[in-house]
């Protein structure tokens, strides 16, 4: 999977779960007075939000984004649906790519070596990504779970 396809998939998933959470909030605080949507989409959005952050970090390292570009991509996950225009902009401006820079041109920095290690075996990269998402989601719930 190319950096463009991975980033696009996760950015769209993040926007879709934001939409579900917004609908759930409308149902909770609107005429339906039903919390099910917030419970389901709140957790789902939290997991996809963390996946977006992890994906952004990997793409940031691989594509050698500047600090400003990387932080902009991370901040785009906060306002509802902002990952969509950011993803469109990133594709239009060539921030992403059709091929990974790493491991072919693995750099000497620790982040470069780590991302290259993830990319040399996609199944290993997927497994590490899933563990990272699960661990960070669990940590977020322990540190500060959403309250009613």
C-alpha atoms as a PDB file:
ATOM      1  CA  UNK A   1       0.000   0.000   0.000  1.00  0.00           C
ATOM      2  CA  UNK A   2       1.413   3.367  -0.998  1.00  0.00           C
ATOM      3  CA  UNK A   3       1.736   6.310   1.402  1.00  0.00           C
ATOM      4  CA  UNK A   4      -1.050   8.084  -0.490  1.00  0.00           C
ATOM      5  CA  UNK A   5      -3.442   5.159  -0.271  1.00  0.00           C
ATOM      6  CA  UNK A   6      -2.714   4.490   3.412  1.00  0.00           C
ATOM      7  CA  UNK A   7      -3.021   8.140   4.437  1.00  0.00           C
ATOM      8  CA  UNK A   8      -6.162   8.610   2.334  1.00  0.00           C
ATOM      9  CA  UNK A   9      -7.830   5.504   3.805  1.00  0.00           C
ATOM     10  CA  UNK A  10      -7.166   6.489   7.396  1.00  0.00           C
ATOM     11  CA  UNK A  11      -8.084  10.163   6.797  1.00  0.00           C
ATOM     12  CA  UNK A  12     -11.416   9.135   5.274  1.00  0.00           C
ATOM     13  CA  UNK A  13     -12.068   6.653   8.094  1.00  0.00           C
ATOM     14  CA  UNK A  14     -11.344   9.410  10.612  1.00  0.00           C
ATOM     15  CA  UNK A  15     -13.855  11.704   8.891  1.00  0.00           C
ATOM     16  CA  UNK A  16     -16.486   8.948   8.678  1.00  0.00           C
ATOM     17  CA  UNK A  17     -16.187   8.184  12.398  1.00  0.00           C
ATOM     18  CA  UNK A  18     -16.341  11.925  13.155  1.00  0.00           C
ATOM     19  CA  UNK A  19     -19.592  12.030  11.200  1.00  0.00           C
ATOM     20  CA  UNK A  20     -20.939   9.061  13.151  1.00  0.00           C
ATOM     21  CA  UNK A  21     -19.979  10.729  16.416  1.00  0.00           C
ATOM     22  CA  UNK A  22     -21.651  13.989  15.378  1.00  0.00           C
ATOM     23  CA  UNK A  23     -24.849  12.108  14.467  1.00  0.00           C
ATOM     24  CA  UNK A  24     -24.626  10.258  17.778  1.00  0.00           C
ATOM     25  CA  UNK A  25     -24.273  13.561  19.630  1.00  0.00           C
ATOM     26  CA  UNK A  26     -27.276  14.962  17.790  1.00  0.00           C
ATOM     27  CA  UNK A  27     -29.317  11.911  18.814  1.00  0.00           C
ATOM     28  CA  UNK A  28     -28.088  12.117  22.406  1.00  0.00           C
ATOM     29  CA  UNK A  29     -28.764  15.810  22.901  1.00  0.00           C
ATOM     30  CA  UNK A  30     -31.566  16.154  20.360  1.00  0.00           C
ATOM     31  CA  UNK A  31     -35.058  14.819  20.217  1.00  0.00           C
ATOM     32  CA  UNK A  32     -34.131  11.126  20.480  1.00  0.00           C
ATOM     33  CA  UNK A  33     -32.297  11.370  23.842  1.00  0.00           C
ATOM     34  CA  UNK A  34     -30.373   8.183  22.988  1.00  0.00           C
ATOM     35  CA  UNK A  35     -26.706   7.666  23.966  1.00  0.00           C
ATOM     36  CA  UNK A  36     -26.055   4.589  21.813  1.00  0.00           C
ATOM     37  CA  UNK A  37     -24.569   6.544  18.911  1.00  0.00           C
ATOM     38  CA  UNK A  38     -22.128   8.376  21.160  1.00  0.00           C
ATOM     39  CA  UNK A  39     -21.066   5.170  22.907  1.00  0.00           C
ATOM     40  CA  UNK A  40     -20.489   3.286  19.670  1.00  0.00           C
ATOM     41  CA  UNK A  41     -19.017   6.063  17.537  1.00  0.00           C
ATOM     42  CA  UNK A  42     -17.179   7.702  20.429  1.00  0.00           C
ATOM     43  CA  UNK A  43     -15.049   4.613  20.987  1.00  0.00           C
ATOM     44  CA  UNK A  44     -14.746   3.870  17.269  1.00  0.00           C
ATOM     45  CA  UNK A  45     -13.699   7.447  16.556  1.00  0.00           C
ATOM     46  CA  UNK A  46     -11.166   7.330  19.380  1.00  0.00           C
ATOM     47  CA  UNK A  47      -9.539   4.216  17.928  1.00  0.00           C
ATOM     48  CA  UNK A  48      -9.495   5.626  14.378  1.00  0.00           C
ATOM     49  CA  UNK A  49      -8.174   8.964  15.682  1.00  0.00           C
ATOM     50  CA  UNK A  50      -5.225   7.137  17.254  1.00  0.00           C
ATOM     51  CA  UNK A  51      -4.720   5.149  14.022  1.00  0.00           C
ATOM     52  CA  UNK A  52      -4.651   8.445  12.118  1.00  0.00           C
ATOM     53  CA  UNK A  53      -2.001   9.812  14.488  1.00  0.00           C
ATOM     54  CA  UNK A  54       0.151   6.675  14.124  1.00  0.00           C
ATOM     55  CA  UNK A  55      -0.266   6.689  10.330  1.00  0.00           C
ATOM     56  CA  UNK A  56       0.584  10.379  10.151  1.00  0.00           C
ATOM     57  CA  UNK A  57       3.746   9.804  12.182  1.00  0.00           C
ATOM     58  CA  UNK A  58       4.898   7.013   9.836  1.00  0.00           C
ATOM     59  CA  UNK A  59       4.139   9.053   6.703  1.00  0.00           C
ATOM     60  CA  UNK A  60       5.763  12.139   8.288  1.00  0.00           C
ATOM     61  CA  UNK A  61       9.021  10.233   8.799  1.00  0.00           C
ATOM     62  CA  UNK A  62       8.928   8.476   5.421  1.00  0.00           C
ATOM     63  CA  UNK A  63       8.107  11.579   3.386  1.00  0.00           C
ATOM     64  CA  UNK A  64      10.481  13.800   5.424  1.00  0.00           C
ATOM     65  CA  UNK A  65       7.779  16.320   6.217  1.00  0.00           C
ATOM     66  CA  UNK A  66       8.756  19.500   7.983  1.00  0.00           C
ATOM     67  CA  UNK A  67       7.605  19.972  11.576  1.00  0.00           C
ATOM     68  CA  UNK A  68       4.964  22.437  10.399  1.00  0.00           C
ATOM     69  CA  UNK A  69       3.541  20.059   7.806  1.00  0.00           C
ATOM     70  CA  UNK A  70       3.488  17.133  10.217  1.00  0.00           C
ATOM     71  CA  UNK A  71       1.860  19.159  12.985  1.00  0.00           C
ATOM     72  CA  UNK A  72      -0.728  20.501  10.535  1.00  0.00           C
ATOM     73  CA  UNK A  73      -1.607  16.928   9.564  1.00  0.00           C
ATOM     74  CA  UNK A  74      -1.954  15.960  13.228  1.00  0.00           C
ATOM     75  CA  UNK A  75      -4.045  19.016  14.134  1.00  0.00           C
ATOM     76  CA  UNK A  76      -6.376  18.289  11.193  1.00  0.00           C
ATOM     77  CA  UNK A  77      -7.747  15.334  13.159  1.00  0.00           C
ATOM     78  CA  UNK A  78      -9.161  17.616  15.861  1.00  0.00           C
ATOM     79  CA  UNK A  79     -11.838  19.676  14.053  1.00  0.00           C
ATOM     80  CA  UNK A  80     -14.647  17.572  12.585  1.00  0.00           C
ATOM     81  CA  UNK A  81     -13.966  16.368   9.034  1.00  0.00           C
ATOM     82  CA  UNK A  82     -10.773  18.445   8.602  1.00  0.00           C
ATOM     83  CA  UNK A  83      -8.750  15.391   7.575  1.00  0.00           C
ATOM     84  CA  UNK A  84     -10.579  15.327   4.237  1.00  0.00           C
ATOM     85  CA  UNK A  85      -9.487  18.741   2.951  1.00  0.00           C
ATOM     86  CA  UNK A  86      -6.019  18.145   4.384  1.00  0.00           C
ATOM     87  CA  UNK A  87      -5.742  14.837   2.515  1.00  0.00           C
ATOM     88  CA  UNK A  88      -6.962  16.450  -0.721  1.00  0.00           C
ATOM     89  CA  UNK A  89      -4.450  19.278  -0.249  1.00  0.00           C
ATOM     90  CA  UNK A  90      -1.626  16.821   0.542  1.00  0.00           C
ATOM     91  CA  UNK A  91      -2.281  14.852  -2.648  1.00  0.00           C
ATOM     92  CA  UNK A  92      -2.585  18.022  -4.737  1.00  0.00           C
ATOM     93  CA  UNK A  93       0.673  19.442  -3.360  1.00  0.00           C
ATOM     94  CA  UNK A  94       2.592  16.160  -3.665  1.00  0.00           C
ATOM     95  CA  UNK A  95       3.135  15.660   0.069  1.00  0.00           C
ATOM     96  CA  UNK A  96       2.443  11.965  -0.260  1.00  0.00           C
ATOM     97  CA  UNK A  97       3.770   9.529  -2.816  1.00  0.00           C
ATOM     98  CA  UNK A  98       3.153   6.381  -4.785  1.00  0.00           C
ATOM     99  CA  UNK A  99       6.093   4.581  -3.184  1.00  0.00           C
ATOM    100  CA  UNK A 100       7.700   4.530   0.230  1.00  0.00           C
ATOM    101  CA  UNK A 101      11.086   6.240   0.497  1.00  0.00           C
ATOM    102  CA  UNK A 102      12.019   3.802   3.228  1.00  0.00           C
ATOM    103  CA  UNK A 103      13.365   1.102   3.352  1.00  0.00           C
ATOM    104  CA  UNK A 104      14.947   1.598  -0.068  1.00  0.00           C
ATOM    105  CA  UNK A 105      16.742   4.756   1.023  1.00  0.00           C
ATOM    106  CA  UNK A 106      16.796   4.059   4.755  1.00  0.00           C
ATOM    107  CA  UNK A 107      18.349   6.975   6.561  1.00  0.00           C
ATOM    108  CA  UNK A 108      20.569   6.944   9.572  1.00  0.00           C
ATOM    109  CA  UNK A 109      18.193   8.547  12.079  1.00  0.00           C
ATOM    110  CA  UNK A 110      16.371   6.434  14.639  1.00  0.00           C
ATOM    111  CA  UNK A 111      12.911   7.329  13.254  1.00  0.00           C
ATOM    112  CA  UNK A 112      14.074   6.467   9.718  1.00  0.00           C
ATOM    113  CA  UNK A 113      15.461   3.111  10.826  1.00  0.00           C
ATOM    114  CA  UNK A 114      12.304   2.288  12.803  1.00  0.00           C
ATOM    115  CA  UNK A 115       9.955   3.148   9.924  1.00  0.00           C
ATOM    116  CA  UNK A 116      12.201   1.220   7.506  1.00  0.00           C
ATOM    117  CA  UNK A 117      12.004  -1.775   9.860  1.00  0.00           C
ATOM    118  CA  UNK A 118       8.193  -1.519   9.819  1.00  0.00           C
ATOM    119  CA  UNK A 119       8.018  -1.222   6.044  1.00  0.00           C
ATOM    120  CA  UNK A 120      10.390  -4.088   5.188  1.00  0.00           C
ATOM    121  CA  UNK A 121       7.736  -6.537   6.371  1.00  0.00           C
ATOM    122  CA  UNK A 122       4.192  -5.193   5.902  1.00  0.00           C
ATOM    123  CA  UNK A 123       2.655  -7.825   8.204  1.00  0.00           C
ATOM    124  CA  UNK A 124       5.077  -6.863  10.959  1.00  0.00           C
ATOM    125  CA  UNK A 125       4.313  -3.195  10.308  1.00  0.00           C
ATOM    126  CA  UNK A 126       0.588  -3.883  10.512  1.00  0.00           C
ATOM    127  CA  UNK A 127       1.000  -5.862  13.732  1.00  0.00           C
ATOM    128  CA  UNK A 128       3.127  -3.152  15.357  1.00  0.00           C
ATOM    129  CA  UNK A 129       0.646  -0.518  14.180  1.00  0.00           C
ATOM    130  CA  UNK A 130      -2.300  -2.418  15.661  1.00  0.00           C
ATOM    131  CA  UNK A 131      -0.480  -2.919  18.969  1.00  0.00           C
ATOM    132  CA  UNK A 132       0.452   0.788  19.041  1.00  0.00           C
ATOM    133  CA  UNK A 133      -3.152   1.827  18.368  1.00  0.00           C
ATOM    134  CA  UNK A 134      -4.470  -0.557  21.043  1.00  0.00           C
ATOM    135  CA  UNK A 135      -1.886   0.555  23.605  1.00  0.00           C
ATOM    136  CA  UNK A 136      -2.377   4.275  22.955  1.00  0.00           C
ATOM    137  CA  UNK A 137      -6.168   3.912  22.998  1.00  0.00           C
ATOM    138  CA  UNK A 138      -5.961   2.005  26.282  1.00  0.00           C
ATOM    139  CA  UNK A 139      -3.654   4.636  27.735  1.00  0.00           C
ATOM    140  CA  UNK A 140      -6.027   7.410  26.670  1.00  0.00           C
ATOM    141  CA  UNK A 141      -8.928   5.638  28.370  1.00  0.00           C
ATOM    142  CA  UNK A 142      -6.937   5.119  31.583  1.00  0.00           C
ATOM    143  CA  UNK A 143      -5.623   8.676  31.687  1.00  0.00           C
ATOM    144  CA  UNK A 144      -8.801  10.486  30.830  1.00  0.00           C
ATOM    145  CA  UNK A 145     -11.859   8.587  29.663  1.00  0.00           C
ATOM    146  CA  UNK A 146     -14.642  10.718  28.261  1.00  0.00           C
ATOM    147  CA  UNK A 147     -17.275  11.574  30.829  1.00  0.00           C
ATOM    148  CA  UNK A 148     -20.979  12.091  30.443  1.00  0.00           C
END
